[in-house]
C-alpha atoms as a PDB file:
ATOM      1  CA  UNK A   1     -25.567 -10.939   7.065  1.00  0.00           C
ATOM      2  CA  UNK A   2     -28.673  -8.815   7.495  1.00  0.00           C
ATOM      3  CA  UNK A   3     -30.721  -8.967   4.285  1.00  0.00           C
ATOM      4  CA  UNK A   4     -27.518  -9.792   2.442  1.00  0.00           C
ATOM      5  CA  UNK A   5     -25.592  -6.892   3.941  1.00  0.00           C
ATOM      6  CA  UNK A   6     -22.703  -7.604   6.335  1.00  0.00           C
ATOM      7  CA  UNK A   7     -22.654  -6.305   9.881  1.00  0.00           C
ATOM      8  CA  UNK A   8     -19.263  -4.878  10.813  1.00  0.00           C
ATOM      9  CA  UNK A   9     -18.582  -4.445  14.519  1.00  0.00           C
ATOM     10  CA  UNK A  10     -16.272  -1.556  15.379  1.00  0.00           C
ATOM     11  CA  UNK A  11     -14.174  -1.658  18.538  1.00  0.00           C
ATOM     12  CA  UNK A  12     -11.048  -0.006  19.921  1.00  0.00           C
ATOM     13  CA  UNK A  13      -9.543   1.799  22.856  1.00  0.00           C
ATOM     14  CA  UNK A  14     -10.807   5.068  24.253  1.00  0.00           C
ATOM     15  CA  UNK A  15      -9.547   7.867  22.039  1.00  0.00           C
ATOM     16  CA  UNK A  16      -8.578   5.521  19.214  1.00  0.00           C
ATOM     17  CA  UNK A  17     -10.834   7.343  16.773  1.00  0.00           C
ATOM     18  CA  UNK A  18     -13.695   4.894  16.221  1.00  0.00           C
ATOM     19  CA  UNK A  19     -16.070   7.712  15.327  1.00  0.00           C
ATOM     20  CA  UNK A  20     -13.729   8.993  12.633  1.00  0.00           C
ATOM     21  CA  UNK A  21     -13.216   5.526  11.185  1.00  0.00           C
ATOM     22  CA  UNK A  22     -16.982   5.011  11.283  1.00  0.00           C
ATOM     23  CA  UNK A  23     -17.453   8.222   9.301  1.00  0.00           C
ATOM     24  CA  UNK A  24     -15.167   6.820   6.604  1.00  0.00           C
ATOM     25  CA  UNK A  25     -17.222   3.638   6.406  1.00  0.00           C
ATOM     26  CA  UNK A  26     -20.285   5.861   6.001  1.00  0.00           C
ATOM     27  CA  UNK A  27     -18.500   7.753   3.230  1.00  0.00           C
ATOM     28  CA  UNK A  28     -18.234   4.477   1.309  1.00  0.00           C
ATOM     29  CA  UNK A  29     -21.906   3.539   1.655  1.00  0.00           C
ATOM     30  CA  UNK A  30     -22.246   1.885   5.057  1.00  0.00           C
ATOM     31  CA  UNK A  31     -24.958   2.706   7.568  1.00  0.00           C
ATOM     32  CA  UNK A  32     -23.148   3.490  10.813  1.00  0.00           C
ATOM     33  CA  UNK A  33     -25.185   2.822  13.932  1.00  0.00           C
ATOM     34  CA  UNK A  34     -23.606   4.426  16.979  1.00  0.00           C
ATOM     35  CA  UNK A  35     -24.582   2.981  20.334  1.00  0.00           C
ATOM     36  CA  UNK A  36     -23.635   6.280  21.930  1.00  0.00           C
ATOM     37  CA  UNK A  37     -26.065   8.150  19.670  1.00  0.00           C
ATOM     38  CA  UNK A  38     -28.795   5.616  20.422  1.00  0.00           C
ATOM     39  CA  UNK A  39     -28.272   6.081  24.158  1.00  0.00           C
ATOM     40  CA  UNK A  40     -28.570   9.842  23.730  1.00  0.00           C
ATOM     41  CA  UNK A  41     -31.859   9.278  21.927  1.00  0.00           C
ATOM     42  CA  UNK A  42     -33.131   6.967  24.654  1.00  0.00           C
ATOM     43  CA  UNK A  43     -32.266   9.550  27.311  1.00  0.00           C
ATOM     44  CA  UNK A  44     -34.736  11.971  25.733  1.00  0.00           C
ATOM     45  CA  UNK A  45     -37.649   9.757  26.751  1.00  0.00           C
ATOM     46  CA  UNK A  46     -39.743  11.407  29.452  1.00  0.00           C
ATOM     47  CA  UNK A  47     -40.640   8.107  31.078  1.00  0.00           C
ATOM     48  CA  UNK A  48     -36.986   7.189  31.446  1.00  0.00           C
ATOM     49  CA  UNK A  49     -36.214  10.627  32.831  1.00  0.00           C
ATOM     50  CA  UNK A  50     -38.847  10.096  35.493  1.00  0.00           C
ATOM     51  CA  UNK A  51     -37.410   6.721  36.403  1.00  0.00           C
ATOM     52  CA  UNK A  52     -33.873   8.050  36.735  1.00  0.00           C
ATOM     53  CA  UNK A  53     -35.126  10.961  38.813  1.00  0.00           C
ATOM     54  CA  UNK A  54     -36.773   8.459  41.161  1.00  0.00           C
ATOM     55  CA  UNK A  55     -33.449   6.671  41.477  1.00  0.00           C
ATOM     56  CA  UNK A  56     -30.987   9.545  41.790  1.00  0.00           C
ATOM     57  CA  UNK A  57     -32.926  12.813  42.041  1.00  0.00           C
ATOM     58  CA  UNK A  58     -31.729  16.089  40.546  1.00  0.00           C
ATOM     59  CA  UNK A  59     -28.069  15.047  40.715  1.00  0.00           C
ATOM     60  CA  UNK A  60     -28.172  13.456  37.267  1.00  0.00           C
ATOM     61  CA  UNK A  61     -29.941  16.317  35.448  1.00  0.00           C
ATOM     62  CA  UNK A  62     -28.561  19.522  33.993  1.00  0.00           C
ATOM     63  CA  UNK A  63     -30.038  23.016  34.265  1.00  0.00           C
ATOM     64  CA  UNK A  64     -32.304  22.384  31.287  1.00  0.00           C
ATOM     65  CA  UNK A  65     -33.815  19.286  32.832  1.00  0.00           C
ATOM     66  CA  UNK A  66     -31.965  16.938  30.497  1.00  0.00           C
ATOM     67  CA  UNK A  67     -30.091  13.874  31.688  1.00  0.00           C
ATOM     68  CA  UNK A  68     -26.451  14.584  32.482  1.00  0.00           C
ATOM     69  CA  UNK A  69     -24.613  11.557  31.160  1.00  0.00           C
ATOM     70  CA  UNK A  70     -21.323  12.558  32.769  1.00  0.00           C
ATOM     71  CA  UNK A  71     -23.007  12.684  36.167  1.00  0.00           C
ATOM     72  CA  UNK A  72     -24.560   9.271  35.612  1.00  0.00           C
ATOM     73  CA  UNK A  73     -21.185   7.913  34.528  1.00  0.00           C
ATOM     74  CA  UNK A  74     -19.635   9.024  37.804  1.00  0.00           C
ATOM     75  CA  UNK A  75     -22.604   7.631  39.713  1.00  0.00           C
ATOM     76  CA  UNK A  76     -22.340   4.118  38.310  1.00  0.00           C
ATOM     77  CA  UNK A  77     -18.605   3.786  37.666  1.00  0.00           C
ATOM     78  CA  UNK A  78     -17.758   2.299  41.055  1.00  0.00           C
ATOM     79  CA  UNK A  79     -21.159   0.761  41.742  1.00  0.00           C
ATOM     80  CA  UNK A  80     -21.838  -2.410  39.804  1.00  0.00           C
ATOM     81  CA  UNK A  81     -25.369  -2.663  41.176  1.00  0.00           C
ATOM     82  CA  UNK A  82     -26.349   0.752  39.823  1.00  0.00           C
ATOM     83  CA  UNK A  83     -24.592   0.055  36.527  1.00  0.00           C
ATOM     84  CA  UNK A  84     -26.433  -3.215  36.011  1.00  0.00           C
ATOM     85  CA  UNK A  85     -29.741  -1.635  36.983  1.00  0.00           C
ATOM     86  CA  UNK A  86     -29.233   1.119  34.422  1.00  0.00           C
ATOM     87  CA  UNK A  87     -28.120  -1.306  31.710  1.00  0.00           C
ATOM     88  CA  UNK A  88     -31.224  -3.421  32.342  1.00  0.00           C
ATOM     89  CA  UNK A  89     -33.309  -0.388  31.422  1.00  0.00           C
ATOM     90  CA  UNK A  90     -31.163   1.027  28.605  1.00  0.00           C
ATOM     91  CA  UNK A  91     -30.131  -2.039  26.638  1.00  0.00           C
ATOM     92  CA  UNK A  92     -33.599  -3.187  25.487  1.00  0.00           C
ATOM     93  CA  UNK A  93     -34.460   0.349  24.366  1.00  0.00           C
ATOM     94  CA  UNK A  94     -31.172   0.715  22.516  1.00  0.00           C
ATOM     95  CA  UNK A  95     -31.638  -2.685  20.884  1.00  0.00           C
ATOM     96  CA  UNK A  96     -35.093  -1.686  19.651  1.00  0.00           C
ATOM     97  CA  UNK A  97     -33.769   1.526  18.083  1.00  0.00           C
ATOM     98  CA  UNK A  98     -30.899  -0.405  16.495  1.00  0.00           C
ATOM     99  CA  UNK A  99     -33.333  -2.883  14.987  1.00  0.00           C
ATOM    100  CA  UNK A 100     -35.446  -0.069  13.564  1.00  0.00           C
ATOM    101  CA  UNK A 101     -32.383   1.420  11.890  1.00  0.00           C
ATOM    102  CA  UNK A 102     -31.317  -1.972  10.578  1.00  0.00           C
ATOM    103  CA  UNK A 103     -34.739  -2.560   9.075  1.00  0.00           C
ATOM    104  CA  UNK A 104     -34.639   0.812   7.350  1.00  0.00           C
ATOM    105  CA  UNK A 105     -31.118   0.157   6.097  1.00  0.00           C
ATOM    106  CA  UNK A 106     -32.017  -3.260   4.771  1.00  0.00           C
ATOM    107  CA  UNK A 107     -34.636  -1.652   2.526  1.00  0.00           C
ATOM    108  CA  UNK A 108     -32.293   1.116   1.368  1.00  0.00           C
ATOM    109  CA  UNK A 109     -30.486   0.230  -1.836  1.00  0.00           C
ATOM    110  CA  UNK A 110     -27.772   2.793  -1.134  1.00  0.00           C
ATOM    111  CA  UNK A 111     -26.700   0.991   2.055  1.00  0.00           C
ATOM    112  CA  UNK A 112     -24.092  -1.686   1.310  1.00  0.00           C
ATOM    113  CA  UNK A 113     -23.229  -2.726   4.864  1.00  0.00           C
ATOM    114  CA  UNK A 114     -23.876  -1.913   8.503  1.00  0.00           C
ATOM    115  CA  UNK A 115     -21.265  -0.688  10.963  1.00  0.00           C
ATOM    116  CA  UNK A 116     -21.973  -0.951  14.673  1.00  0.00           C
ATOM    117  CA  UNK A 117     -19.896   1.632  16.527  1.00  0.00           C
ATOM    118  CA  UNK A 118     -20.144   0.192  20.014  1.00  0.00           C
ATOM    119  CA  UNK A 119     -17.531   0.969  22.712  1.00  0.00           C
ATOM    120  CA  UNK A 120     -18.319  -2.266  24.596  1.00  0.00           C
ATOM    121  CA  UNK A 121     -18.811  -4.469  21.537  1.00  0.00           C
ATOM    122  CA  UNK A 122     -17.110  -7.496  23.093  1.00  0.00           C
ATOM    123  CA  UNK A 123     -18.076  -6.853  26.697  1.00  0.00           C
ATOM    124  CA  UNK A 124     -21.794  -6.821  25.812  1.00  0.00           C
ATOM    125  CA  UNK A 125     -21.449  -9.780  23.424  1.00  0.00           C
ATOM    126  CA  UNK A 126     -22.825  -7.765  20.510  1.00  0.00           C
ATOM    127  CA  UNK A 127     -19.839  -9.089  18.567  1.00  0.00           C
ATOM    128  CA  UNK A 128     -21.692 -12.399  18.266  1.00  0.00           C
ATOM    129  CA  UNK A 129     -24.229 -10.764  15.942  1.00  0.00           C
ATOM    130  CA  UNK A 130     -21.531  -9.295  13.673  1.00  0.00           C
ATOM    131  CA  UNK A 131     -20.174 -10.890  10.528  1.00  0.00           C
ATOM    132  CA  UNK A 132     -16.737  -9.368  11.133  1.00  0.00           C
ATOM    133  CA  UNK A 133     -15.139  -7.201  13.801  1.00  0.00           C
ATOM    134  CA  UNK A 134     -12.696  -4.347  13.255  1.00  0.00           C
ATOM    135  CA  UNK A 135     -10.359  -3.032  15.935  1.00  0.00           C
ATOM    136  CA  UNK A 136      -9.364   0.624  15.619  1.00  0.00           C
ATOM    137  CA  UNK A 137      -5.823   0.847  16.920  1.00  0.00           C
ATOM    138  CA  UNK A 138      -3.778   3.867  17.983  1.00  0.00           C
ATOM    139  CA  UNK A 139      -0.739   4.282  20.256  1.00  0.00           C
ATOM    140  CA  UNK A 140      -1.478   5.207  23.855  1.00  0.00           C
ATOM    141  CA  UNK A 141       0.298   8.550  23.495  1.00  0.00           C
ATOM    142  CA  UNK A 142      -1.999   9.546  20.640  1.00  0.00           C
ATOM    143  CA  UNK A 143      -5.103   8.343  22.454  1.00  0.00           C
ATOM    144  CA  UNK A 144      -4.077  10.246  25.579  1.00  0.00           C
ATOM    145  CA  UNK A 145      -3.493  13.404  23.555  1.00  0.00           C
ATOM    146  CA  UNK A 146      -6.962  13.103  22.046  1.00  0.00           C
ATOM    147  CA  UNK A 147      -8.828  12.545  25.313  1.00  0.00           C
ATOM    148  CA  UNK A 148      -6.835  15.261  27.046  1.00  0.00           C
ATOM    149  CA  UNK A 149      -7.939  17.703  24.358  1.00  0.00           C
ATOM    150  CA  UNK A 150     -11.569  16.563  24.030  1.00  0.00           C
ATOM    151  CA  UNK A 151     -12.404  15.413  27.563  1.00  0.00           C
ATOM    152  CA  UNK A 152      -9.779  16.946  29.807  1.00  0.00           C
ATOM    153  CA  UNK A 153      -8.537  13.547  31.006  1.00  0.00           C
ATOM    154  CA  UNK A 154      -5.024  12.817  32.224  1.00  0.00           C
ATOM    155  CA  UNK A 155      -3.130   9.520  32.094  1.00  0.00           C
ATOM    156  CA  UNK A 156      -4.609   8.302  35.375  1.00  0.00           C
ATOM    157  CA  UNK A 157      -8.180   8.993  34.269  1.00  0.00           C
ATOM    158  CA  UNK A 158      -7.710   7.214  30.949  1.00  0.00           C
ATOM    159  CA  UNK A 159      -6.285   4.193  32.761  1.00  0.00           C
ATOM    160  CA  UNK A 160      -9.119   4.265  35.295  1.00  0.00           C
ATOM    161  CA  UNK A 161     -11.708   4.232  32.531  1.00  0.00           C
ATOM    162  CA  UNK A 162     -10.056   1.450  30.570  1.00  0.00           C
ATOM    163  CA  UNK A 163      -9.491  -0.872  33.510  1.00  0.00           C
ATOM    164  CA  UNK A 164     -13.216  -1.677  33.582  1.00  0.00           C
ATOM    165  CA  UNK A 165     -13.106  -2.842  29.941  1.00  0.00           C
ATOM    166  CA  UNK A 166     -11.666  -5.880  28.212  1.00  0.00           C
ATOM    167  CA  UNK A 167      -7.892  -5.363  27.813  1.00  0.00           C
ATOM    168  CA  UNK A 168      -6.940  -3.797  24.490  1.00  0.00           C
ATOM    169  CA  UNK A 169      -4.519  -6.628  23.680  1.00  0.00           C
ATOM    170  CA  UNK A 170      -7.395  -9.066  24.007  1.00  0.00           C
ATOM    171  CA  UNK A 171      -9.716  -6.982  21.817  1.00  0.00           C
ATOM    172  CA  UNK A 172      -6.994  -6.619  19.226  1.00  0.00           C
ATOM    173  CA  UNK A 173      -6.305 -10.363  19.215  1.00  0.00           C
ATOM    174  CA  UNK A 174      -9.921 -11.470  18.812  1.00  0.00           C
ATOM    175  CA  UNK A 175     -10.851  -8.896  16.155  1.00  0.00           C
ATOM    176  CA  UNK A 176     -10.968 -10.012  12.530  1.00  0.00           C
ATOM    177  CA  UNK A 177      -9.331  -6.864  11.165  1.00  0.00           C
ATOM    178  CA  UNK A 178      -7.306  -3.908  12.441  1.00  0.00           C
ATOM    179  CA  UNK A 179      -7.344  -0.305  11.235  1.00  0.00           C
ATOM    180  CA  UNK A 180      -4.404   1.753  12.484  1.00  0.00           C
ATOM    181  CA  UNK A 181      -5.545   5.308  13.133  1.00  0.00           C
ATOM    182  CA  UNK A 182      -2.223   6.984  13.808  1.00  0.00           C
ATOM    183  CA  UNK A 183      -1.324   8.811  10.622  1.00  0.00           C
ATOM    184  CA  UNK A 184      -3.015  11.251   8.258  1.00  0.00           C
ATOM    185  CA  UNK A 185      -6.666  11.096   7.307  1.00  0.00           C
ATOM    186  CA  UNK A 186      -6.032   9.981   3.735  1.00  0.00           C
ATOM    187  CA  UNK A 187      -3.999   6.993   4.917  1.00  0.00           C
ATOM    188  CA  UNK A 188      -6.866   5.918   7.155  1.00  0.00           C
ATOM    189  CA  UNK A 189      -9.332   6.417   4.301  1.00  0.00           C
ATOM    190  CA  UNK A 190      -7.301   4.074   2.094  1.00  0.00           C
ATOM    191  CA  UNK A 191      -7.211   1.437   4.835  1.00  0.00           C
ATOM    192  CA  UNK A 192     -10.968   1.590   5.317  1.00  0.00           C
ATOM    193  CA  UNK A 193     -11.743   1.497   1.598  1.00  0.00           C
ATOM    194  CA  UNK A 194      -9.537  -1.551   1.040  1.00  0.00           C
ATOM    195  CA  UNK A 195     -10.859  -3.271   4.142  1.00  0.00           C
ATOM    196  CA  UNK A 196     -14.468  -2.728   3.135  1.00  0.00           C
ATOM    197  CA  UNK A 197     -13.739  -4.153  -0.326  1.00  0.00           C
ATOM    198  CA  UNK A 198     -12.330  -7.302   1.288  1.00  0.00           C
ATOM    199  CA  UNK A 199     -15.321  -7.676   3.575  1.00  0.00           C
ATOM    200  CA  UNK A 200     -17.839  -7.219   0.753  1.00  0.00           C
ATOM    201  CA  UNK A 201     -15.929  -9.748  -1.363  1.00  0.00           C
ATOM    202  CA  UNK A 202     -16.116 -12.281   1.454  1.00  0.00           C
ATOM    203  CA  UNK A 203     -12.344 -12.418   1.851  1.00  0.00           C
ATOM    204  CA  UNK A 204     -11.259 -13.652   5.254  1.00  0.00           C
ATOM    205  CA  UNK A 205      -8.506 -11.913   7.263  1.00  0.00           C
ATOM    206  CA  UNK A 206      -6.121 -14.664   6.123  1.00  0.00           C
ATOM    207  CA  UNK A 207      -6.761 -13.820   2.490  1.00  0.00           C
ATOM    208  CA  UNK A 208      -9.107 -16.636   1.454  1.00  0.00           C
ATOM    209  CA  UNK A 209     -12.869 -16.463   0.860  1.00  0.00           C
ATOM    210  CA  UNK A 210     -14.596 -16.220   4.212  1.00  0.00           C
ATOM    211  CA  UNK A 211     -18.115 -15.863   5.535  1.00  0.00           C
ATOM    212  CA  UNK A 212     -20.768 -14.643   3.164  1.00  0.00           C
END
């Protein structure tokens, strides 16, 4: 709990629809903190831009002089050294921004819970700071259709991206709750509303009172 408000960690496969599920949690009074949005905010820092330019030159900037995240992703995907070096710089900045948002949310009477939308929730061990974790599930065919439409990826690219993450079966197994995002929006909304009610009531996944 953070000032009496639970922290809900959101995980799931690429294309599972974590952002959509997060928006539903927000609809019901949760403060959703997206790691992706925090990274975008960090990348606006001029000092960080200078550092990344020293490392990689113009290759990781777009025509407007802003950091090109896609280019950085390609740069570090197959180079663990570069990835770790970047994470060493990004993670403390992201953590500071997250803490600032948490502090603001703790003082906001309209916020009933926090949702951390973090793609690598388990890989980065952020799950340890959560009261409960929720896995957003969707069949591979649906996830592939989504990333093909939004990112232009094919089956091979989706598999290549996911191989560097914890297997989905493992994430699903260690999560406290599962939301299946494979039907219509209203069905997902009902799942999220009922799930949030259980979490706020301190009901464990097995049905008995859990952590408070």
